[in-house]
Amino acid sequence: MRPPRPWIARPAPLLLALVVFIAACAEDQPPRVSTSGSSPTAQAAFPVTVVDDDGVEVTVAAEPRRIVTFAPSMTEIVFALGLGDRLVGVSGPSDDHPAAARRIEEVGGAGEFGVDPNVERVVALEPDLFLTISGGEQWKAKLRELGVPIVTLNATDFDDLLADIEVVGEVTGATTQAASLVEEMGARAEVVAAQTSERVSCFFEVFFGQTLTTVGPNTFIYDLLERAGCDPVTSDAASDYPEWSVEDLVADGPDIYIATPESAQSAEAIAERPGFEGIPAVASGAVVLVDGDLVTRPGPRVVEGLEQLAAAMGSSGG
């Protein structure tokens, strides 16, 4: 069974479903190339042609005026570029930032698992641009047959996110806004980097239930952890989102234990779990909850997540 898209249905293990879905989407991406010849900082000129992260060459004939997004991160990028008034459709309830996004028509809920867009609803909105992430090859093919230009983007790390924002700026005509946003985010990330000379070890909890799930290398969250001054104890993980035993975690001895409200109600709740008292970070009270949306949505607010993670690294006193 394929995992549900968490921005449409919110199962209990929300964060786990989200990061695993993103990981599956990000595998084996082809290089992105713009064939339009336009610069991210130059005045946009249409038509614009790009090769997206599905390897599909997409031409946007004219500056889009009716945009549909099918991922909360895309919704946030469009608003951050000052184009919220052009959004006519979003994926579902998880498109909740900024508040204005909640008033836009939702197009999700179709398909066997209720995680696909309703094709008829999308077409009725007459979009001239559809922004999404990977997956859904069948419904994408159907929308393309009906003349809807679809651009697929997947950020594998922070630098790739900045590149994605520039591409969104290119295909929407907001190149100047995108360049400004990328510059601001990059500058804030550099401030974090300058403050992380003292590195600590950490563990990131994706989900805790019958098993404990974390992040391995080559994941978006792992990249943020490293940028925030953490050397994750899961560096030798064999998969992107491995299960980790409490016994191994005690032996790993992380300085900081990080979780989100989607996985743990509080730091106190984590400390009360059987066996967790033996984890050095838990024993010393260095348990920090960060906003899950800020570290799992590859959008403009991820730099806030990076700053939260960096602040968490300082809680060890190391």
C-alpha atoms as a PDB file:
ATOM      1  CA  MET A   1       0.000   0.000   0.000  1.00  0.00           C
ATOM      2  CA  ARG A   2       1.396   3.384  -0.906  1.00  0.00           C
ATOM      3  CA  PRO A   3       1.612   5.925   1.928  1.00  0.00           C
ATOM      4  CA  PRO A   4      -1.050   8.653   2.028  1.00  0.00           C
ATOM      5  CA  ARG A   5      -0.065  12.175   1.170  1.00  0.00           C
ATOM      6  CA  PRO A   6      -0.042  13.690   4.655  1.00  0.00           C
ATOM      7  CA  TRP A   7      -1.291  17.104   3.574  1.00  0.00           C
ATOM      8  CA  ILE A   8      -4.639  15.602   2.605  1.00  0.00           C
ATOM      9  CA  ALA A   9      -5.113  12.920   5.232  1.00  0.00           C
ATOM     10  CA  ARG A  10      -3.519  13.350   8.667  1.00  0.00           C
ATOM     11  CA  PRO A  11      -2.825   9.878  10.084  1.00  0.00           C
ATOM     12  CA  ALA A  12      -1.424   9.508  13.595  1.00  0.00           C
ATOM     13  CA  PRO A  13       2.184   9.007  12.456  1.00  0.00           C
ATOM     14  CA  LEU A  14       1.990  12.235  10.410  1.00  0.00           C
ATOM     15  CA  LEU A  15       5.637  13.189  10.427  1.00  0.00           C
ATOM     16  CA  LEU A  16       6.782   9.665   9.543  1.00  0.00           C
ATOM     17  CA  ALA A  17       4.417   9.536   6.568  1.00  0.00           C
ATOM     18  CA  LEU A  18       5.571  12.948   5.444  1.00  0.00           C
ATOM     19  CA  VAL A  19       9.304  12.388   5.500  1.00  0.00           C
ATOM     20  CA  VAL A  20       9.090   8.897   4.000  1.00  0.00           C
ATOM     21  CA  PHE A  21       6.909  10.241   1.194  1.00  0.00           C
ATOM     22  CA  ILE A  22       9.359  13.058   0.517  1.00  0.00           C
ATOM     23  CA  ALA A  23      12.247  10.581   0.509  1.00  0.00           C
ATOM     24  CA  ALA A  24      10.517   8.374  -2.055  1.00  0.00           C
ATOM     25  CA  CYS A  25       9.824  11.401  -4.223  1.00  0.00           C
ATOM     26  CA  ALA A  26      13.405  12.628  -4.153  1.00  0.00           C
ATOM     27  CA  GLU A  27      15.124   9.472  -5.415  1.00  0.00           C
ATOM     28  CA  ASP A  28      17.004   9.474  -8.696  1.00  0.00           C
ATOM     29  CA  GLN A  29      16.195  13.021  -9.728  1.00  0.00           C
ATOM     30  CA  PRO A  30      17.567  14.084 -13.102  1.00  0.00           C
ATOM     31  CA  PRO A  31      19.507  17.338 -13.284  1.00  0.00           C
ATOM     32  CA  ARG A  32      17.295  20.385 -13.706  1.00  0.00           C
ATOM     33  CA  VAL A  33      17.978  22.507 -16.764  1.00  0.00           C
ATOM     34  CA  SER A  34      16.345  25.683 -17.987  1.00  0.00           C
ATOM     35  CA  THR A  35      16.155  25.946 -21.749  1.00  0.00           C
ATOM     36  CA  SER A  36      14.548  29.384 -21.776  1.00  0.00           C
ATOM     37  CA  GLY A  37      17.836  31.250 -21.440  1.00  0.00           C
ATOM     38  CA  SER A  38      16.374  33.559 -18.795  1.00  0.00           C
ATOM     39  CA  SER A  39      18.243  34.472 -15.615  1.00  0.00           C
ATOM     40  CA  PRO A  40      16.643  34.178 -12.156  1.00  0.00           C
ATOM     41  CA  THR A  41      17.440  37.861 -11.600  1.00  0.00           C
ATOM     42  CA  ALA A  42      16.440  39.102 -15.035  1.00  0.00           C
ATOM     43  CA  GLN A  43      13.031  40.305 -16.138  1.00  0.00           C
ATOM     44  CA  ALA A  44      10.976  37.206 -16.875  1.00  0.00           C
ATOM     45  CA  ALA A  45      10.212  36.524 -20.525  1.00  0.00           C
ATOM     46  CA  PHE A  46       7.708  33.987 -21.791  1.00  0.00           C
ATOM     47  CA  PRO A  47       7.410  31.355 -23.047  1.00  0.00           C
ATOM     48  CA  VAL A  48       9.611  29.691 -20.423  1.00  0.00           C
ATOM     49  CA  THR A  49      10.778  26.082 -20.733  1.00  0.00           C
ATOM     50  CA  VAL A  50      12.284  24.029 -17.920  1.00  0.00           C
ATOM     51  CA  VAL A  51      13.111  20.376 -17.340  1.00  0.00           C
ATOM     52  CA  ASP A  52      11.556  19.506 -13.995  1.00  0.00           C
ATOM     53  CA  ASP A  53      12.533  16.927 -11.370  1.00  0.00           C
ATOM     54  CA  ASP A  54      10.446  14.244 -13.082  1.00  0.00           C
ATOM     55  CA  GLY A  55      12.653  14.758 -16.143  1.00  0.00           C
ATOM     56  CA  VAL A  56       9.756  16.289 -18.065  1.00  0.00           C
ATOM     57  CA  GLU A  57      10.305  19.294 -20.315  1.00  0.00           C
ATOM     58  CA  VAL A  58       7.578  21.809 -19.479  1.00  0.00           C
ATOM     59  CA  THR A  59       6.782  24.986 -21.390  1.00  0.00           C
ATOM     60  CA  VAL A  60       4.784  27.736 -19.705  1.00  0.00           C
ATOM     61  CA  ALA A  61       3.439  29.823 -22.575  1.00  0.00           C
ATOM     62  CA  ALA A  62       2.579  33.019 -20.722  1.00  0.00           C
ATOM     63  CA  GLU A  63       2.897  34.458 -17.233  1.00  0.00           C
ATOM     64  CA  PRO A  64       0.564  32.309 -15.093  1.00  0.00           C
ATOM     65  CA  ARG A  65      -2.494  33.983 -13.612  1.00  0.00           C
ATOM     66  CA  ARG A  66      -4.276  30.903 -12.270  1.00  0.00           C
ATOM     67  CA  ILE A  67      -2.008  28.594 -10.254  1.00  0.00           C
ATOM     68  CA  VAL A  68      -2.798  25.311  -8.494  1.00  0.00           C
ATOM     69  CA  THR A  69      -0.369  23.867  -5.938  1.00  0.00           C
ATOM     70  CA  PHE A  70      -0.404  20.259  -4.816  1.00  0.00           C
ATOM     71  CA  ALA A  71       1.955  20.353  -1.836  1.00  0.00           C
ATOM     72  CA  PRO A  72       1.956  22.720   1.170  1.00  0.00           C
ATOM     73  CA  SER A  73       5.576  23.644   0.473  1.00  0.00           C
ATOM     74  CA  MET A  74       4.632  24.840  -3.017  1.00  0.00           C
ATOM     75  CA  THR A  75       1.753  26.853  -1.577  1.00  0.00           C
ATOM     76  CA  GLU A  76       4.116  28.569   0.849  1.00  0.00           C
ATOM     77  CA  ILE A  77       6.616  29.350  -1.914  1.00  0.00           C
ATOM     78  CA  VAL A  78       3.936  30.917  -4.110  1.00  0.00           C
ATOM     79  CA  PHE A  79       2.735  33.125  -1.250  1.00  0.00           C
ATOM     80  CA  ALA A  80       6.300  34.067  -0.315  1.00  0.00           C
ATOM     81  CA  LEU A  81       6.832  35.272  -3.884  1.00  0.00           C
ATOM     82  CA  GLY A  82       3.833  37.585  -3.507  1.00  0.00           C
ATOM     83  CA  LEU A  83       1.614  35.543  -5.838  1.00  0.00           C
ATOM     84  CA  GLY A  84      -1.017  34.356  -3.366  1.00  0.00           C
ATOM     85  CA  ASP A  85      -3.734  36.200  -5.246  1.00  0.00           C
ATOM     86  CA  ARG A  86      -3.055  33.952  -8.252  1.00  0.00           C
ATOM     87  CA  LEU A  87      -3.650  30.714  -6.340  1.00  0.00           C
ATOM     88  CA  VAL A  88      -6.983  29.169  -7.294  1.00  0.00           C
ATOM     89  CA  GLY A  89      -6.455  25.662  -5.860  1.00  0.00           C
ATOM     90  CA  VAL A  90      -4.425  23.877  -3.186  1.00  0.00           C
ATOM     91  CA  SER A  91      -4.044  20.241  -2.199  1.00  0.00           C
ATOM     92  CA  GLY A  92      -5.928  20.074   1.100  1.00  0.00           C
ATOM     93  CA  PRO A  93      -6.168  20.988   4.810  1.00  0.00           C
ATOM     94  CA  SER A  94      -2.414  20.920   5.332  1.00  0.00           C
ATOM     95  CA  ASP A  95      -2.067  23.917   3.045  1.00  0.00           C
ATOM     96  CA  ASP A  96      -2.458  26.052   6.144  1.00  0.00           C
ATOM     97  CA  HIS A  97       0.231  28.708   5.874  1.00  0.00           C
ATOM     98  CA  PRO A  98      -0.236  31.557   5.523  1.00  0.00           C
ATOM     99  CA  ALA A  99      -3.776  31.794   6.866  1.00  0.00           C
ATOM    100  CA  ALA A 100      -5.041  32.987   3.477  1.00  0.00           C
ATOM    101  CA  ALA A 101      -4.188  29.572   2.028  1.00  0.00           C
ATOM    102  CA  ARG A 102      -6.978  27.999   4.065  1.00  0.00           C
ATOM    103  CA  ARG A 103      -9.562  29.959   2.089  1.00  0.00           C
ATOM    104  CA  ILE A 104      -8.460  28.584  -1.288  1.00  0.00           C
ATOM    105  CA  GLU A 105     -10.386  25.731  -2.898  1.00  0.00           C
ATOM    106  CA  GLU A 106      -9.001  22.264  -2.126  1.00  0.00           C
ATOM    107  CA  VAL A 107      -8.558  19.944  -5.090  1.00  0.00           C
ATOM    108  CA  GLY A 108      -7.335  16.783  -3.322  1.00  0.00           C
ATOM    109  CA  GLY A 109      -9.185  13.716  -2.111  1.00  0.00           C
ATOM    110  CA  ALA A 110      -9.524  11.593  -5.240  1.00  0.00           C
ATOM    111  CA  GLY A 111      -8.063   8.179  -6.070  1.00  0.00           C
ATOM    112  CA  GLU A 112      -8.137   4.856  -4.272  1.00  0.00           C
ATOM    113  CA  PHE A 113      -6.440   6.280  -1.190  1.00  0.00           C
ATOM    114  CA  GLY A 114      -7.937   9.765  -1.393  1.00  0.00           C
ATOM    115  CA  VAL A 115      -4.546  11.353  -2.010  1.00  0.00           C
ATOM    116  CA  ASP A 116      -4.806  12.327  -5.675  1.00  0.00           C
ATOM    117  CA  PRO A 117      -6.167  15.572  -7.104  1.00  0.00           C
ATOM    118  CA  ASN A 118      -9.685  15.562  -8.454  1.00  0.00           C
ATOM    119  CA  VAL A 119      -8.927  15.962 -12.149  1.00  0.00           C
ATOM    120  CA  GLU A 120     -12.342  17.397 -13.009  1.00  0.00           C
ATOM    121  CA  ARG A 121     -12.082  19.956 -10.211  1.00  0.00           C
ATOM    122  CA  VAL A 122      -8.596  20.973 -11.308  1.00  0.00           C
ATOM    123  CA  VAL A 123      -9.627  21.396 -14.935  1.00  0.00           C
ATOM    124  CA  ALA A 124     -12.679  23.429 -13.912  1.00  0.00           C
ATOM    125  CA  LEU A 125     -10.347  25.928 -12.229  1.00  0.00           C
ATOM    126  CA  GLU A 126      -8.666  26.511 -15.615  1.00  0.00           C
ATOM    127  CA  PRO A 127      -5.105  26.657 -14.249  1.00  0.00           C
ATOM    128  CA  ASP A 128      -2.244  27.840 -16.415  1.00  0.00           C
ATOM    129  CA  LEU A 129       0.298  26.301 -14.003  1.00  0.00           C
ATOM    130  CA  PHE A 130       0.224  23.297 -11.628  1.00  0.00           C
ATOM    131  CA  LEU A 131       3.084  23.032  -9.101  1.00  0.00           C
ATOM    132  CA  THR A 132       3.674  19.747  -7.274  1.00  0.00           C
ATOM    133  CA  ILE A 133       6.218  17.158  -6.093  1.00  0.00           C
ATOM    134  CA  SER A 134       6.956  13.697  -7.485  1.00  0.00           C
ATOM    135  CA  GLY A 135       4.501  10.821  -7.563  1.00  0.00           C
ATOM    136  CA  GLY A 136       1.125  10.453  -9.209  1.00  0.00           C
ATOM    137  CA  GLU A 137       2.324   9.672 -12.686  1.00  0.00           C
ATOM    138  CA  GLN A 138      -1.133   8.560 -13.854  1.00  0.00           C
ATOM    139  CA  TRP A 139      -3.030  11.681 -12.817  1.00  0.00           C
ATOM    140  CA  LYS A 140      -0.193  13.863 -14.056  1.00  0.00           C
ATOM    141  CA  ALA A 141      -0.449  12.224 -17.461  1.00  0.00           C
ATOM    142  CA  LYS A 142      -4.197  12.821 -17.496  1.00  0.00           C
ATOM    143  CA  LEU A 143      -3.820  16.489 -16.601  1.00  0.00           C
ATOM    144  CA  ARG A 144      -1.141  16.948 -19.242  1.00  0.00           C
ATOM    145  CA  GLU A 145      -3.462  15.389 -21.839  1.00  0.00           C
ATOM    146  CA  LEU A 146      -6.007  18.025 -20.828  1.00  0.00           C
ATOM    147  CA  GLY A 147      -3.494  20.811 -21.372  1.00  0.00           C
ATOM    148  CA  VAL A 148      -2.471  21.603 -17.778  1.00  0.00           C
ATOM    149  CA  PRO A 149       1.247  22.551 -17.500  1.00  0.00           C
ATOM    150  CA  ILE A 150       2.680  20.602 -14.536  1.00  0.00           C
ATOM    151  CA  VAL A 151       6.038  21.450 -12.948  1.00  0.00           C
ATOM    152  CA  THR A 152       7.411  18.923 -10.432  1.00  0.00           C
ATOM    153  CA  LEU A 153      10.107  19.963  -7.942  1.00  0.00           C
ATOM    154  CA  ASN A 154      11.679  18.054  -5.034  1.00  0.00           C
ATOM    155  CA  ALA A 155      14.232  19.577  -2.696  1.00  0.00           C
ATOM    156  CA  THR A 156      16.789  17.019  -1.513  1.00  0.00           C
ATOM    157  CA  ASP A 157      18.647  19.499   0.708  1.00  0.00           C
ATOM    158  CA  PHE A 158      18.744  23.205   1.588  1.00  0.00           C
ATOM    159  CA  ASP A 159      20.738  24.230  -1.485  1.00  0.00           C
ATOM    160  CA  ASP A 160      18.356  22.316  -3.738  1.00  0.00           C
ATOM    161  CA  LEU A 161      15.433  24.117  -2.094  1.00  0.00           C
ATOM    162  CA  LEU A 162      16.961  27.474  -2.994  1.00  0.00           C
ATOM    163  CA  ALA A 163      17.311  26.269  -6.584  1.00  0.00           C
ATOM    164  CA  ASP A 164      13.674  25.123  -6.594  1.00  0.00           C
ATOM    165  CA  ILE A 165      12.496  28.544  -5.447  1.00  0.00           C
ATOM    166  CA  GLU A 166      14.389  30.127  -8.329  1.00  0.00           C
ATOM    167  CA  VAL A 167      12.687  27.737 -10.762  1.00  0.00           C
ATOM    168  CA  VAL A 168       9.258  28.621  -9.335  1.00  0.00           C
ATOM    169  CA  GLY A 169      10.190  32.264  -9.807  1.00  0.00           C
ATOM    170  CA  GLU A 170      11.156  31.546 -13.400  1.00  0.00           C
ATOM    171  CA  VAL A 171       7.949  29.730 -14.375  1.00  0.00           C
ATOM    172  CA  THR A 172       5.713  32.270 -12.614  1.00  0.00           C
ATOM    173  CA  GLY A 173       7.487  35.401 -13.836  1.00  0.00           C
ATOM    174  CA  ALA A 174       8.570  36.282 -10.287  1.00  0.00           C
ATOM    175  CA  THR A 175      12.316  36.003 -10.881  1.00  0.00           C
ATOM    176  CA  THR A 176      13.203  39.150  -8.944  1.00  0.00           C
ATOM    177  CA  GLN A 177      11.111  38.103  -5.931  1.00  0.00           C
ATOM    178  CA  ALA A 178      12.617  34.607  -6.024  1.00  0.00           C
ATOM    179  CA  ALA A 179      16.173  35.954  -6.145  1.00  0.00           C
ATOM    180  CA  SER A 180      15.438  38.207  -3.168  1.00  0.00           C
ATOM    181  CA  LEU A 181      13.913  35.354  -1.160  1.00  0.00           C
ATOM    182  CA  VAL A 182      16.811  33.024  -1.947  1.00  0.00           C
ATOM    183  CA  GLU A 183      19.306  35.703  -0.932  1.00  0.00           C
ATOM    184  CA  GLU A 184      17.522  36.284   2.381  1.00  0.00           C
ATOM    185  CA  MET A 185      17.283  32.570   3.183  1.00  0.00           C
ATOM    186  CA  GLY A 186      20.905  32.016   2.228  1.00  0.00           C
ATOM    187  CA  ALA A 187      22.044  34.881   4.430  1.00  0.00           C
ATOM    188  CA  ARG A 188      20.149  33.517   7.426  1.00  0.00           C
ATOM    189  CA  ALA A 189      21.647  30.080   6.843  1.00  0.00           C
ATOM    190  CA  GLU A 190      25.123  31.639   6.752  1.00  0.00           C
ATOM    191  CA  VAL A 191      24.486  33.274  10.134  1.00  0.00           C
ATOM    192  CA  VAL A 192      23.599  29.851  11.532  1.00  0.00           C
ATOM    193  CA  ALA A 193      26.736  28.346  10.016  1.00  0.00           C
ATOM    194  CA  ALA A 194      28.889  31.051  11.576  1.00  0.00           C
ATOM    195  CA  GLN A 195      27.518  30.198  15.002  1.00  0.00           C
ATOM    196  CA  THR A 196      28.044  26.430  14.840  1.00  0.00           C
ATOM    197  CA  SER A 197      31.783  26.078  15.413  1.00  0.00           C
ATOM    198  CA  GLU A 198      31.088  23.973  18.507  1.00  0.00           C
ATOM    199  CA  ARG A 199      29.458  20.825  17.206  1.00  0.00           C
ATOM    200  CA  VAL A 200      27.388  18.375  19.259  1.00  0.00           C
ATOM    201  CA  SER A 201      25.954  14.933  18.624  1.00  0.00           C
ATOM    202  CA  CYS A 202      22.212  14.571  18.262  1.00  0.00           C
ATOM    203  CA  PHE A 203      19.364  12.187  17.520  1.00  0.00           C
ATOM    204  CA  PHE A 204      16.236  13.189  15.603  1.00  0.00           C
ATOM    205  CA  GLU A 205      13.016  11.309  16.337  1.00  0.00           C
ATOM    206  CA  VAL A 206      10.771  11.074  13.302  1.00  0.00           C
ATOM    207  CA  PHE A 207       8.179   8.870  14.978  1.00  0.00           C
ATOM    208  CA  PHE A 208       7.816   6.824  18.131  1.00  0.00           C
ATOM    209  CA  GLY A 209       5.280   4.017  18.390  1.00  0.00           C
ATOM    210  CA  GLN A 210       5.946   0.326  18.447  1.00  0.00           C
ATOM    211  CA  THR A 211       9.312   1.258  16.953  1.00  0.00           C
ATOM    212  CA  LEU A 212      11.536   4.337  16.986  1.00  0.00           C
ATOM    213  CA  THR A 213      12.172   5.897  13.581  1.00  0.00           C
ATOM    214  CA  THR A 214      14.890   8.416  12.799  1.00  0.00           C
ATOM    215  CA  VAL A 215      16.743   9.965   9.852  1.00  0.00           C
ATOM    216  CA  GLY A 216      19.766   8.682   7.976  1.00  0.00           C
ATOM    217  CA  PRO A 217      22.126  10.450   5.586  1.00  0.00           C
ATOM    218  CA  ASN A 218      20.888  11.787   2.258  1.00  0.00           C
ATOM    219  CA  THR A 219      17.659  13.148   3.738  1.00  0.00           C
ATOM    220  CA  PHE A 220      16.465  16.727   3.890  1.00  0.00           C
ATOM    221  CA  ILE A 221      16.254  16.730   7.701  1.00  0.00           C
ATOM    222  CA  TYR A 222      19.734  15.226   8.078  1.00  0.00           C
ATOM    223  CA  ASP A 223      21.123  18.059   5.954  1.00  0.00           C
ATOM    224  CA  LEU A 224      19.435  20.608   8.226  1.00  0.00           C
ATOM    225  CA  LEU A 225      20.822  18.901  11.328  1.00  0.00           C
ATOM    226  CA  GLU A 226      24.356  19.082   9.982  1.00  0.00           C
ATOM    227  CA  ARG A 227      23.929  22.725   9.014  1.00  0.00           C
ATOM    228  CA  ALA A 228      22.643  23.463  12.518  1.00  0.00           C
ATOM    229  CA  GLY A 229      25.813  22.168  14.135  1.00  0.00           C
ATOM    230  CA  CYS A 230      24.860  18.565  14.797  1.00  0.00           C
ATOM    231  CA  ASP A 231      26.740  15.377  14.060  1.00  0.00           C
ATOM    232  CA  PRO A 232      23.841  12.898  13.996  1.00  0.00           C
ATOM    233  CA  VAL A 233      24.545   9.600  15.719  1.00  0.00           C
ATOM    234  CA  THR A 234      22.734   7.919  12.808  1.00  0.00           C
ATOM    235  CA  SER A 235      25.481   8.700  10.279  1.00  0.00           C
ATOM    236  CA  ASP A 236      26.033   4.987   9.589  1.00  0.00           C
ATOM    237  CA  ALA A 237      22.344   4.230   8.990  1.00  0.00           C
ATOM    238  CA  ALA A 238      21.781   1.893   6.048  1.00  0.00           C
ATOM    239  CA  SER A 239      18.536   3.597   4.956  1.00  0.00           C
ATOM    240  CA  ASP A 240      17.075   7.083   4.874  1.00  0.00           C
ATOM    241  CA  TYR A 241      14.492   6.512   7.614  1.00  0.00           C
ATOM    242  CA  PRO A 242      15.725   3.594   9.716  1.00  0.00           C
ATOM    243  CA  GLU A 243      14.342   2.099  12.901  1.00  0.00           C
ATOM    244  CA  TRP A 244      16.656   2.609  15.868  1.00  0.00           C
ATOM    245  CA  SER A 245      16.663   0.614  19.078  1.00  0.00           C
ATOM    246  CA  VAL A 246      16.700   2.281  22.473  1.00  0.00           C
ATOM    247  CA  GLU A 247      19.648   0.090  23.401  1.00  0.00           C
ATOM    248  CA  ASP A 248      21.658   1.386  20.440  1.00  0.00           C
ATOM    249  CA  LEU A 249      20.632   4.939  21.300  1.00  0.00           C
ATOM    250  CA  VAL A 250      21.889   4.530  24.861  1.00  0.00           C
ATOM    251  CA  ALA A 251      25.210   3.327  23.457  1.00  0.00           C
ATOM    252  CA  ASP A 252      25.303   6.150  20.883  1.00  0.00           C
ATOM    253  CA  GLY A 253      25.029   8.695  23.685  1.00  0.00           C
ATOM    254  CA  PRO A 254      23.677  11.763  21.834  1.00  0.00           C
ATOM    255  CA  ASP A 255      24.139  15.180  23.446  1.00  0.00           C
ATOM    256  CA  ILE A 256      20.745  16.402  22.177  1.00  0.00           C
ATOM    257  CA  TYR A 257      17.481  14.546  21.580  1.00  0.00           C
ATOM    258  CA  ILE A 258      15.151  16.258  19.086  1.00  0.00           C
ATOM    259  CA  ALA A 259      11.527  15.445  18.338  1.00  0.00           C
ATOM    260  CA  THR A 260       8.386  17.185  17.083  1.00  0.00           C
ATOM    261  CA  PRO A 261       4.885  17.549  18.576  1.00  0.00           C
ATOM    262  CA  GLU A 262       3.633  15.128  15.919  1.00  0.00           C
ATOM    263  CA  SER A 263       5.684  12.373  17.560  1.00  0.00           C
ATOM    264  CA  ALA A 264       6.004  13.380  21.213  1.00  0.00           C
ATOM    265  CA  GLN A 265       3.679  15.416  23.408  1.00  0.00           C
ATOM    266  CA  SER A 266       6.502  16.864  25.495  1.00  0.00           C
ATOM    267  CA  ALA A 267      10.086  16.420  26.626  1.00  0.00           C
ATOM    268  CA  GLU A 268       8.713  15.005  29.880  1.00  0.00           C
ATOM    269  CA  ALA A 269       6.754  12.363  27.961  1.00  0.00           C
ATOM    270  CA  ILE A 270       9.932  11.268  26.209  1.00  0.00           C
ATOM    271  CA  ALA A 271      11.783  10.990  29.524  1.00  0.00           C
ATOM    272  CA  GLU A 272       9.043   8.744  30.916  1.00  0.00           C
ATOM    273  CA  ARG A 273       9.386   6.121  28.171  1.00  0.00           C
ATOM    274  CA  PRO A 274      10.834   2.786  29.352  1.00  0.00           C
ATOM    275  CA  GLY A 275      14.598   2.673  28.935  1.00  0.00           C
ATOM    276  CA  PHE A 276      14.940   6.272  27.773  1.00  0.00           C
ATOM    277  CA  GLU A 277      16.395   7.371  31.087  1.00  0.00           C
ATOM    278  CA  GLY A 278      19.642   5.735  29.977  1.00  0.00           C
ATOM    279  CA  ILE A 279      20.033   8.039  26.966  1.00  0.00           C
ATOM    280  CA  PRO A 280      22.541  10.762  27.950  1.00  0.00           C
ATOM    281  CA  ALA A 281      20.569  13.600  26.317  1.00  0.00           C
ATOM    282  CA  VAL A 282      17.390  12.534  28.109  1.00  0.00           C
ATOM    283  CA  ALA A 283      19.181  12.042  31.437  1.00  0.00           C
ATOM    284  CA  SER A 284      20.654  15.551  31.234  1.00  0.00           C
ATOM    285  CA  GLY A 285      17.368  17.174  30.171  1.00  0.00           C
ATOM    286  CA  ALA A 286      18.644  18.088  26.694  1.00  0.00           C
ATOM    287  CA  VAL A 287      15.405  17.142  24.938  1.00  0.00           C
ATOM    288  CA  VAL A 288      13.964  19.718  22.538  1.00  0.00           C
ATOM    289  CA  LEU A 289      10.753  19.761  20.494  1.00  0.00           C
ATOM    290  CA  VAL A 290      10.843  21.685  17.224  1.00  0.00           C
ATOM    291  CA  ASP A 291       8.034  22.665  14.847  1.00  0.00           C
ATOM    292  CA  GLY A 292       7.575  19.724  12.477  1.00  0.00           C
ATOM    293  CA  ASP A 293       6.308  21.865   9.592  1.00  0.00           C
ATOM    294  CA  LEU A 294       9.473  23.970   9.679  1.00  0.00           C
ATOM    295  CA  VAL A 295      11.839  21.026   9.235  1.00  0.00           C
ATOM    296  CA  THR A 296       9.820  18.764   6.922  1.00  0.00           C
ATOM    297  CA  ARG A 297       8.269  21.225   4.445  1.00  0.00           C
ATOM    298  CA  PRO A 298      10.860  22.324   1.888  1.00  0.00           C
ATOM    299  CA  GLY A 299       9.590  25.880   1.684  1.00  0.00           C
ATOM    300  CA  PRO A 300      10.566  29.413   2.723  1.00  0.00           C
ATOM    301  CA  ARG A 301      10.031  28.746   6.442  1.00  0.00           C
ATOM    302  CA  VAL A 302      12.588  25.938   6.535  1.00  0.00           C
ATOM    303  CA  VAL A 303      15.226  28.506   7.454  1.00  0.00           C
ATOM    304  CA  GLU A 304      13.219  29.100  10.637  1.00  0.00           C
ATOM    305  CA  GLY A 305      13.441  25.371  11.262  1.00  0.00           C
ATOM    306  CA  LEU A 306      17.192  25.551  10.742  1.00  0.00           C
ATOM    307  CA  GLU A 307      17.386  28.327  13.319  1.00  0.00           C
ATOM    308  CA  GLN A 308      15.286  26.310  15.769  1.00  0.00           C
ATOM    309  CA  LEU A 309      17.579  23.323  15.320  1.00  0.00           C
ATOM    310  CA  ALA A 310      20.658  25.485  15.851  1.00  0.00           C
ATOM    311  CA  ALA A 311      19.122  26.856  19.066  1.00  0.00           C
ATOM    312  CA  ALA A 312      18.439  23.279  20.159  1.00  0.00           C
ATOM    313  CA  MET A 313      22.090  22.350  19.677  1.00  0.00           C
ATOM    314  CA  GLY A 314      23.021  25.030  22.188  1.00  0.00           C
ATOM    315  CA  SER A 315      20.797  23.481  24.857  1.00  0.00           C
ATOM    316  CA  SER A 316      23.418  20.884  25.685  1.00  0.00           C
ATOM    317  CA  GLY A 317      25.768  23.474  27.018  1.00  0.00           C
ATOM    318  CA  GLY A 318      28.427  22.032  24.706  1.00  0.00           C
END
